[in-house]
Protein backbone atom coordinates (compact mmCIF):
# COMPACT_ATOMS: atom_id res chain seq x y z
CA MET A 1 93.26 85.12 88.07
CA ALA A 2 89.74 86.33 87.54
CA LYS A 3 88.78 86.84 83.69
CA VAL A 4 86.23 89.07 81.87
CA ILE A 5 83.09 86.61 80.93
CA GLY A 6 80.88 89.35 79.34
CA PHE A 7 79.33 92.56 78.97
CA GLU A 8 76.14 94.60 79.57
CA LEU A 9 74.89 97.70 77.73
CA SER A 10 72.85 100.11 79.89
CA SER A 11 70.06 102.19 78.51
CA GLN A 12 67.25 104.28 79.44
CA GLU A 13 65.73 102.86 76.15
CA PRO A 14 66.99 98.84 75.99
CA GLU A 15 64.67 98.10 73.31
CA LYS A 16 65.68 100.86 70.78
CA ALA A 17 69.20 99.74 71.96
CA VAL A 18 68.05 96.12 71.06
CA GLN A 19 66.85 97.41 67.84
CA PHE A 20 69.86 99.53 66.81
CA TYR A 21 72.63 96.73 67.37
CA ALA A 22 70.16 93.88 65.73
CA ARG A 23 70.34 95.95 62.58
CA VAL A 24 74.06 97.09 62.52
CA PHE A 25 75.74 94.24 63.67
CA GLY A 26 73.16 91.60 63.23
CA TRP A 27 73.33 90.50 66.77
CA GLU A 28 70.31 88.62 68.20
CA PHE A 29 68.35 88.86 71.59
CA GLY A 30 66.56 86.45 73.88
CA GLU A 31 63.38 87.51 75.38
CA PRO A 32 63.59 90.10 78.22
CA ASN A 33 64.44 89.07 81.91
CA TRP A 34 64.23 91.36 84.55
CA GLU A 35 64.93 94.27 81.94
CA TYR A 36 67.61 92.24 80.72
CA TRP A 37 67.68 91.31 76.98
CA PRO A 38 70.42 88.40 76.60
CA LEU A 39 72.51 88.39 73.78
CA ILE A 40 72.49 85.21 71.64
CA SER A 41 75.60 84.56 69.58
CA GLY A 42 78.04 81.92 68.24
CA ASN A 43 78.84 78.71 69.95
CA ASP A 44 81.49 77.34 71.84
CA THR A 45 82.67 74.62 69.66
CA ASP A 46 84.18 77.20 67.51
CA ASN A 47 85.31 80.44 70.01
CA SER A 48 82.61 82.46 68.63
CA ARG A 49 80.35 82.97 71.40
CA MET A 50 80.15 86.54 73.23
CA SER A 51 78.25 86.72 76.87
CA GLY A 52 76.34 89.64 76.87
CA GLY A 53 73.26 91.66 76.54
CA ILE A 54 71.42 95.16 76.83
CA SER A 55 69.59 96.15 80.31
CA LYS A 56 67.59 99.13 81.26
CA GLY A 57 70.19 101.14 83.02
CA PRO A 58 69.57 101.82 86.79
CA SER A 59 69.82 105.22 88.43
CA ASP A 60 73.05 104.30 89.30
CA PHE A 61 74.10 103.25 85.82
CA PRO A 62 71.94 104.72 83.56
CA HIS A 63 73.90 104.44 80.42
CA GLY A 64 77.12 102.81 79.73
CA THR A 65 79.22 99.37 79.21
CA ARG A 66 80.06 97.60 82.09
CA ILE A 67 82.20 94.32 81.78
CA GLN A 68 81.43 91.37 83.85
CA ILE A 69 84.28 89.76 85.65
CA GLU A 70 83.79 86.06 87.46
CA VAL A 71 85.32 86.07 90.65
CA GLU A 72 85.25 82.51 92.89
CA SER A 73 84.20 85.02 95.80
CA ILE A 74 81.52 88.33 95.42
CA ASP A 75 81.93 88.80 99.37
CA GLU A 76 85.83 88.15 99.09
CA THR A 77 86.54 90.33 96.08
CA LEU A 78 83.88 93.46 97.46
CA ALA A 79 85.96 93.58 100.60
CA LEU A 80 89.14 93.72 98.83
CA ALA A 81 87.91 96.12 96.21
CA THR A 82 86.85 98.41 98.73
CA GLN A 83 89.57 98.21 100.98
CA ASN A 84 91.52 99.39 97.47
CA GLY A 85 89.19 102.81 97.06
CA ALA A 86 86.39 101.12 95.39
CA MET A 87 82.61 102.02 95.83
CA VAL A 88 79.97 98.94 95.91
CA VAL A 89 77.24 100.68 93.80
CA ARG A 90 74.84 97.02 94.33
CA GLU A 91 75.37 94.63 96.68
CA LYS A 92 75.28 91.03 96.30
CA MET A 93 72.12 89.60 94.58
CA GLU A 94 71.20 86.21 94.10
CA PHE A 95 69.96 84.70 90.71
CA GLU A 96 69.08 80.97 89.89
CA SER A 97 72.61 80.01 88.97
CA PHE A 98 74.73 82.95 90.12
CA TYR A 99 75.58 85.92 92.28
CA LEU A 100 76.30 89.14 90.99
CA ALA A 101 77.28 92.79 92.21
CA TYR A 102 78.32 96.11 90.90
CA LEU A 103 80.89 98.38 91.98
CA VAL A 104 83.40 101.60 90.56
CA ASP A 105 86.42 101.69 91.01
CA PRO A 106 88.73 104.29 92.23
CA ALA A 107 88.89 105.75 88.47
CA GLY A 108 85.43 105.75 88.26
CA ILE A 109 84.96 102.94 86.00
CA GLY A 110 81.96 100.67 86.55
CA LEU A 111 82.03 96.97 86.68
CA GLY A 112 80.34 93.72 87.49
CA LEU A 113 81.15 90.83 89.27
CA ILE A 114 79.85 87.47 88.87
CA GLU A 115 80.42 84.29 90.93
CA ASN A 116 78.59 80.81 89.88
CA LYS A 117 76.69 78.62 92.41
């Protein structure tokens, strides 16, 4: 079964959003990469770790929250999702240690798919 492994907050003013979440919730963020500020939180030993961050929202998702779901195969999941009414908004992209794609489900909910290398 695929599992939710993180989240992404999209904003047209990501620096402002980073300041807000840092001040209000005490969240710490790493240096931005690809206009994405990763959340630095907790640790794995006490299960307090969250995985997520804030990004400069693209034109297809300028504001909002998307969960990230880890799957075994993005290609197979995208095919199955589109067969079941989803719309792919960002095809499979390659990063150093994972692949990422974005889609919108038939109810209009945006989500990300992650496949580790």
